[in-house]
């Protein structure tokens, strides 16, 4: 299927998966959190991605997150299913099932651990994209997968009618510019600190972790860039900087986002699944020091912030394990 325009939106949240203290998905909190980020200005949600702890979610949980997202969004935002698998056959089946569950698009991560050649990466992405009519975002994050999607491979993948975008967590801006110049691919910033630089060279939007805490400033930045108002976008970028630093520099973004959201009273537990664990004392203190610098950010009022280091400590072993591929 050939897709026209932008079927994803511009402000996309890399959604956390709220869990109970014993590590089970907290479905009422999932619904509440989804509604909050959409109301704050997100026009897309990526469920079951890295931030959503995809590697320790079961396939039934992943599919239910798509279904719940569609119900909560009710047409207000797109629901993109993230993650994938380092086994091509499993990835194909998972994305087929996600399409049936109602996903509006899919985000395919580079196969991890196997360290395939660029030929293997090309074949993996093509076969998955062939298996669905949904629009595809390629997720280029070599820091987690061990291998990048090289420039030449991206150019070849851009010829596939379903592959429309790249989520860039590689941070090579010269390469992004080259691809934008030579293809019709859209780019989404996959690094919260680089959202404005990405947009400034022609990226379409962002898929952000910090947007779990508040998506409103990202809406402001994107809308300002769209109308050519760099001054407004830069001012909002500067205001966001300490919050981004709190969420993204001391512990994995999933861990810090849950710690912060719990302290704000928006989720009932900050628990993550093992092998992720909550912040240690010094990490929690560093996060809190950064938050003390946050001022005048819409949707991020820390005047009544109540962090709970004990609730966040350790990690959970759920009753049913996820998949390792």
Protein backbone atom coordinates (compact mmCIF):
# COMPACT_ATOMS: atom_id res chain seq x y z
CA UNK A 1 0.00 0.00 0.00
CA UNK A 2 1.30 3.47 -0.84
CA UNK A 3 0.82 5.99 1.97
CA UNK A 4 0.63 9.71 1.35
CA UNK A 5 1.31 12.55 3.74
CA UNK A 6 2.21 11.96 7.39
CA UNK A 7 0.17 9.13 8.94
CA UNK A 8 1.96 9.30 12.31
CA UNK A 9 1.66 12.86 13.62
CA UNK A 10 4.52 15.01 14.88
CA UNK A 11 4.52 14.88 18.68
CA UNK A 12 4.75 11.19 19.58
CA UNK A 13 5.20 9.87 23.11
CA UNK A 14 7.40 6.83 23.71
CA UNK A 15 4.93 5.57 26.28
CA UNK A 16 5.91 3.97 29.56
CA UNK A 17 3.95 0.89 30.61
CA UNK A 18 2.65 1.55 34.16
CA UNK A 19 2.94 -1.50 36.40
CA UNK A 20 1.86 -2.57 39.85
CA UNK A 21 4.37 -3.06 42.65
CA UNK A 22 4.63 -6.76 41.73
CA UNK A 23 5.36 -6.02 38.08
CA UNK A 24 2.01 -6.70 36.46
CA UNK A 25 0.68 -4.20 33.92
CA UNK A 26 -1.53 -1.68 35.70
CA UNK A 27 -4.27 -1.32 33.10
CA UNK A 28 -6.26 1.47 34.79
CA UNK A 29 -3.04 3.51 35.07
CA UNK A 30 -2.25 2.75 31.42
CA UNK A 31 -5.57 4.23 30.35
CA UNK A 32 -5.21 7.26 32.62
CA UNK A 33 -1.68 7.96 31.43
CA UNK A 34 -2.58 7.60 27.75
CA UNK A 35 -5.45 10.04 28.13
CA UNK A 36 -3.21 12.53 29.94
CA UNK A 37 -0.47 12.68 27.30
CA UNK A 38 -3.00 13.00 24.49
CA UNK A 39 -4.81 15.78 26.32
CA UNK A 40 -1.46 17.54 26.86
CA UNK A 41 -0.85 17.75 23.12
CA UNK A 42 0.50 14.45 21.80
CA UNK A 43 -0.86 13.40 18.43
CA UNK A 44 0.68 9.95 18.55
CA UNK A 45 1.64 7.28 21.06
CA UNK A 46 4.28 4.59 20.58
CA UNK A 47 3.36 1.64 22.80
CA UNK A 48 5.60 -1.37 23.46
CA UNK A 49 8.76 0.49 22.54
CA UNK A 50 12.02 0.67 24.48
CA UNK A 51 10.48 3.03 27.05
CA UNK A 52 7.47 0.72 27.32
CA UNK A 53 9.79 -2.15 28.39
CA UNK A 54 9.08 -4.14 25.24
CA UNK A 55 11.82 -6.68 25.99
CA UNK A 56 10.00 -7.89 29.11
CA UNK A 57 6.40 -7.61 27.90
CA UNK A 58 4.57 -10.69 26.68
CA UNK A 59 3.06 -10.70 23.21
CA UNK A 60 -0.52 -10.69 24.63
CA UNK A 61 0.39 -7.63 26.72
CA UNK A 62 1.79 -5.88 23.65
CA UNK A 63 -1.36 -6.51 21.65
CA UNK A 64 -3.62 -5.41 24.50
CA UNK A 65 -1.67 -2.16 24.78
CA UNK A 66 -2.54 -1.47 21.14
CA UNK A 67 -6.20 -2.25 21.76
CA UNK A 68 -6.38 -0.11 24.90
CA UNK A 69 -4.57 2.71 23.12
CA UNK A 70 -7.09 2.70 20.29
CA UNK A 71 -9.99 2.79 22.77
CA UNK A 72 -8.51 5.61 24.84
CA UNK A 73 -7.39 7.68 21.86
CA UNK A 74 -10.78 7.39 20.19
CA UNK A 75 -9.42 9.05 17.08
CA UNK A 76 -7.56 11.82 18.94
CA UNK A 77 -4.09 10.32 18.40
CA UNK A 78 -2.37 7.64 16.34
CA UNK A 79 -1.32 4.40 18.03
CA UNK A 80 2.03 3.07 16.83
CA UNK A 81 3.31 -0.29 17.99
CA UNK A 82 7.05 -0.33 18.66
CA UNK A 83 9.60 -2.92 19.59
CA UNK A 84 9.75 -5.87 17.25
CA UNK A 85 12.04 -8.85 17.51
CA UNK A 86 15.50 -9.98 16.52
CA UNK A 87 13.85 -13.01 14.95
CA UNK A 88 12.34 -11.98 11.63
CA UNK A 89 9.58 -14.60 11.68
CA UNK A 90 8.46 -13.51 15.14
CA UNK A 91 8.54 -9.83 14.18
CA UNK A 92 6.34 -10.53 11.16
CA UNK A 93 3.73 -12.35 13.22
CA UNK A 94 3.78 -9.73 15.96
CA UNK A 95 3.21 -6.86 13.55
CA UNK A 96 0.50 -8.75 11.67
CA UNK A 97 -1.29 -9.25 14.98
CA UNK A 98 -0.76 -5.60 15.88
CA UNK A 99 -2.40 -4.55 12.63
CA UNK A 100 -5.41 -6.73 13.46
CA UNK A 101 -5.49 -5.18 16.95
CA UNK A 102 -5.92 -1.75 15.40
CA UNK A 103 -2.44 -0.21 15.24
CA UNK A 104 -2.12 2.83 12.97
CA UNK A 105 1.54 2.20 12.25
CA UNK A 106 4.55 0.13 13.26
CA UNK A 107 8.06 1.00 14.39
CA UNK A 108 10.63 -1.70 13.66
CA UNK A 109 13.84 -1.77 15.66
CA UNK A 110 17.07 -2.96 14.06
CA UNK A 111 17.62 -6.64 14.97
CA UNK A 112 19.65 -6.67 18.17
CA UNK A 113 22.15 -9.16 19.62
CA UNK A 114 22.51 -11.12 16.36
CA UNK A 115 24.61 -8.27 14.84
CA UNK A 116 23.44 -8.95 11.27
CA UNK A 117 25.21 -7.52 8.25
CA UNK A 118 23.60 -4.64 6.37
CA UNK A 119 22.23 -7.23 3.94
CA UNK A 120 20.54 -9.02 6.82
CA UNK A 121 19.14 -5.75 8.19
CA UNK A 122 17.81 -4.85 4.75
CA UNK A 123 16.12 -8.23 4.36
CA UNK A 124 14.64 -8.10 7.87
CA UNK A 125 13.05 -4.69 7.37
CA UNK A 126 11.79 -5.50 3.88
CA UNK A 127 10.13 -8.75 4.92
CA UNK A 128 8.43 -7.16 7.93
CA UNK A 129 7.25 -4.20 5.84
CA UNK A 130 5.96 -6.63 3.19
CA UNK A 131 3.85 -8.41 5.78
CA UNK A 132 1.63 -5.44 6.69
CA UNK A 133 -0.19 -2.60 5.00
CA UNK A 134 0.65 -0.27 7.89
CA UNK A 135 3.11 2.61 7.48
CA UNK A 136 6.54 1.81 8.89
CA UNK A 137 9.05 3.75 10.98
CA UNK A 138 12.59 2.31 11.05
CA UNK A 139 14.19 2.60 14.50
CA UNK A 140 17.91 3.29 14.23
CA UNK A 141 19.46 3.00 17.72
CA UNK A 142 22.90 1.36 17.49
CA UNK A 143 23.64 2.05 21.16
CA UNK A 144 21.08 -0.63 22.03
CA UNK A 145 21.15 -2.92 19.00
CA UNK A 146 24.90 -3.03 18.41
CA UNK A 147 24.62 -2.16 14.71
CA UNK A 148 23.54 0.99 12.85
CA UNK A 149 21.37 1.17 9.78
CA UNK A 150 23.97 2.54 7.40
CA UNK A 151 23.25 5.39 5.04
CA UNK A 152 23.31 3.19 1.93
CA UNK A 153 20.89 0.74 3.54
CA UNK A 154 18.48 3.55 4.48
CA UNK A 155 18.49 4.75 0.86
CA UNK A 156 17.57 1.26 -0.35
CA UNK A 157 14.87 0.85 2.28
CA UNK A 158 13.37 4.22 1.35
CA UNK A 159 12.22 2.65 -1.94
CA UNK A 160 9.80 0.35 -0.10
CA UNK A 161 6.27 1.79 -0.37
CA UNK A 162 5.42 1.10 3.29
CA UNK A 163 8.64 2.44 4.82
CA UNK A 164 7.97 6.12 5.39
CA UNK A 165 10.12 7.26 8.29
CA UNK A 166 13.14 6.81 10.55
CA UNK A 167 13.35 7.31 14.29
CA UNK A 168 16.91 8.54 14.71
CA UNK A 169 18.75 7.82 17.95
CA UNK A 170 22.13 7.80 16.22
CA UNK A 171 22.64 11.55 16.29
CA UNK A 172 24.52 11.86 13.01
CA UNK A 173 22.98 15.08 11.75
CA UNK A 174 25.01 15.17 8.54
CA UNK A 175 23.62 11.75 7.64
CA UNK A 176 20.09 12.84 8.48
CA UNK A 177 20.51 15.80 6.12
CA UNK A 178 21.84 13.53 3.34
CA UNK A 179 18.89 11.17 3.66
CA UNK A 180 16.38 14.02 3.77
CA UNK A 181 17.97 15.46 0.63
CA UNK A 182 17.87 12.19 -1.28
CA UNK A 183 14.63 10.52 -0.16
CA UNK A 184 11.07 11.32 0.89
CA UNK A 185 11.58 9.69 4.30
CA UNK A 186 10.36 11.53 7.38
CA UNK A 187 12.65 11.72 10.40
CA UNK A 188 11.62 11.61 14.05
CA UNK A 189 14.07 12.61 16.74
CA UNK A 190 14.75 9.70 19.06
CA UNK A 191 16.91 11.70 21.47
CA UNK A 192 15.05 14.14 23.71
CA UNK A 193 17.97 16.55 23.95
CA UNK A 194 18.21 16.78 20.15
CA UNK A 195 14.57 17.40 19.26
CA UNK A 196 15.04 21.03 18.21
CA UNK A 197 18.29 20.38 16.28
CA UNK A 198 16.56 17.57 14.39
CA UNK A 199 13.56 19.76 13.58
CA UNK A 200 15.84 22.62 12.52
CA UNK A 201 17.35 20.53 9.72
CA UNK A 202 14.04 19.23 8.46
CA UNK A 203 12.86 16.41 10.73
CA UNK A 204 9.11 15.87 10.97
CA UNK A 205 8.75 15.40 14.72
CA UNK A 206 9.84 13.46 17.77
CA UNK A 207 9.25 10.24 19.65
CA UNK A 208 10.06 11.31 23.18
CA UNK A 209 10.50 9.85 26.64
CA UNK A 210 10.26 13.14 28.53
CA UNK A 211 6.93 13.71 26.78
CA UNK A 212 5.50 11.14 29.23
CA UNK A 213 5.88 13.82 31.89
CA UNK A 214 4.55 16.60 29.69
CA UNK A 215 3.98 16.64 25.96
CA UNK A 216 2.76 20.26 25.94
CA UNK A 217 6.21 21.89 25.49
CA UNK A 218 6.97 19.62 22.55
CA UNK A 219 3.70 20.69 20.98
CA UNK A 220 4.88 24.28 21.41
CA UNK A 221 8.28 23.55 19.86
CA UNK A 222 6.88 21.68 16.88
CA UNK A 223 4.17 24.25 16.20
CA UNK A 224 6.72 27.06 16.46
CA UNK A 225 9.08 25.38 14.01
CA UNK A 226 6.17 24.74 11.64
CA UNK A 227 5.46 28.47 11.46
CA UNK A 228 9.14 29.45 11.29
CA UNK A 229 9.30 30.90 14.80
CA UNK A 230 12.73 29.71 15.90
CA UNK A 231 12.87 32.13 18.84
CA UNK A 232 9.82 30.57 20.51
CA UNK A 233 11.06 27.05 19.78
CA UNK A 234 14.49 27.84 21.24
CA UNK A 235 13.05 29.40 24.39
CA UNK A 236 10.92 26.31 25.02
CA UNK A 237 13.90 24.05 24.29
CA UNK A 238 15.91 25.89 26.95
CA UNK A 239 13.10 25.64 29.51
CA UNK A 240 12.88 21.89 28.89
CA UNK A 241 16.61 21.24 29.24
CA UNK A 242 16.74 20.45 33.00
CA UNK A 243 13.70 18.17 32.75
CA UNK A 244 15.26 16.32 29.82
CA UNK A 245 18.49 16.00 31.77
CA UNK A 246 16.60 14.60 34.77
CA UNK A 247 14.79 12.05 32.64
CA UNK A 248 17.55 10.97 30.30
CA UNK A 249 21.03 11.14 31.83
CA UNK A 250 21.21 9.30 35.18
CA UNK A 251 19.29 6.05 34.68
CA UNK A 252 17.42 4.51 31.73
CA UNK A 253 14.59 6.78 30.57
CA UNK A 254 11.95 4.23 31.52
CA UNK A 255 13.20 4.17 35.11
CA UNK A 256 13.46 7.92 35.55
CA UNK A 257 10.14 8.65 33.82
CA UNK A 258 8.33 6.24 36.13
CA UNK A 259 10.13 7.65 39.17
CA UNK A 260 9.11 11.18 38.23
CA UNK A 261 5.53 10.30 37.27
CA UNK A 262 5.04 8.45 40.54
CA UNK A 263 6.38 11.42 42.48
CA UNK A 264 3.83 13.59 40.68
CA UNK A 265 1.05 11.18 41.66
CA UNK A 266 0.20 10.22 38.10
CA UNK A 267 0.93 6.50 38.35
CA UNK A 268 0.42 4.26 41.39
CA UNK A 269 3.83 2.59 41.30
CA UNK A 270 7.25 3.40 39.79
CA UNK A 271 8.12 -0.29 39.48
CA UNK A 272 9.98 -1.65 36.45
CA UNK A 273 10.61 -5.24 35.45
CA UNK A 274 13.98 -6.88 35.95
CA UNK A 275 16.69 -6.58 34.83
CA UNK A 276 15.77 -2.89 35.09
CA UNK A 277 15.72 -1.61 38.65
CA UNK A 278 14.71 1.65 40.27
CA UNK A 279 17.28 4.38 40.90
CA UNK A 280 19.80 3.94 43.67
CA UNK A 281 19.96 6.64 46.34
CA UNK A 282 22.58 8.72 44.57
CA UNK A 283 20.81 8.40 41.23
CA UNK A 284 17.50 9.44 42.74
CA UNK A 285 19.20 12.42 44.38
CA UNK A 286 20.70 13.47 41.04
CA UNK A 287 17.28 13.27 39.36
CA UNK A 288 15.72 15.34 42.13
CA UNK A 289 18.50 17.95 41.89
CA UNK A 290 17.78 18.38 38.18
CA UNK A 291 14.04 18.65 38.81
CA UNK A 292 14.67 21.47 41.26
CA UNK A 293 15.85 23.53 38.27
CA UNK A 294 12.65 23.02 36.27
CA UNK A 295 10.66 26.25 36.02
CA UNK A 296 7.52 27.35 34.18
CA UNK A 297 7.00 24.25 32.04
CA UNK A 298 3.35 23.58 31.15
CA UNK A 299 2.21 20.27 32.60
CA UNK A 300 5.30 19.87 34.82
CA UNK A 301 4.55 21.47 38.18
CA UNK A 302 6.97 20.07 40.76
CA UNK A 303 5.82 22.23 43.67
CA UNK A 304 4.10 19.18 45.20
CA UNK A 305 6.59 16.54 43.98
CA UNK A 306 6.74 13.59 46.41
CA UNK A 307 9.39 11.08 45.29
CA UNK A 308 9.39 7.65 46.91
CA UNK A 309 12.78 6.01 46.67
CA UNK A 310 11.64 2.93 48.59
CA UNK A 311 8.73 2.26 46.22
CA UNK A 312 11.06 2.55 43.25
CA UNK A 313 13.82 0.35 44.65
CA UNK A 314 14.61 -2.95 42.97
CA UNK A 315 12.78 -4.53 40.07
CA UNK A 316 9.89 -6.93 39.66
CA UNK A 317 9.61 -10.51 38.42
CA UNK A 318 6.20 -10.86 36.74
CA UNK A 319 4.19 -14.07 36.92
CA UNK A 320 4.50 -14.72 33.18
CA UNK A 321 7.78 -14.00 31.45
CA UNK A 322 8.07 -12.06 28.21
CA UNK A 323 9.85 -13.14 25.08
CA UNK A 324 13.57 -13.06 24.49
CA UNK A 325 13.24 -12.77 20.73
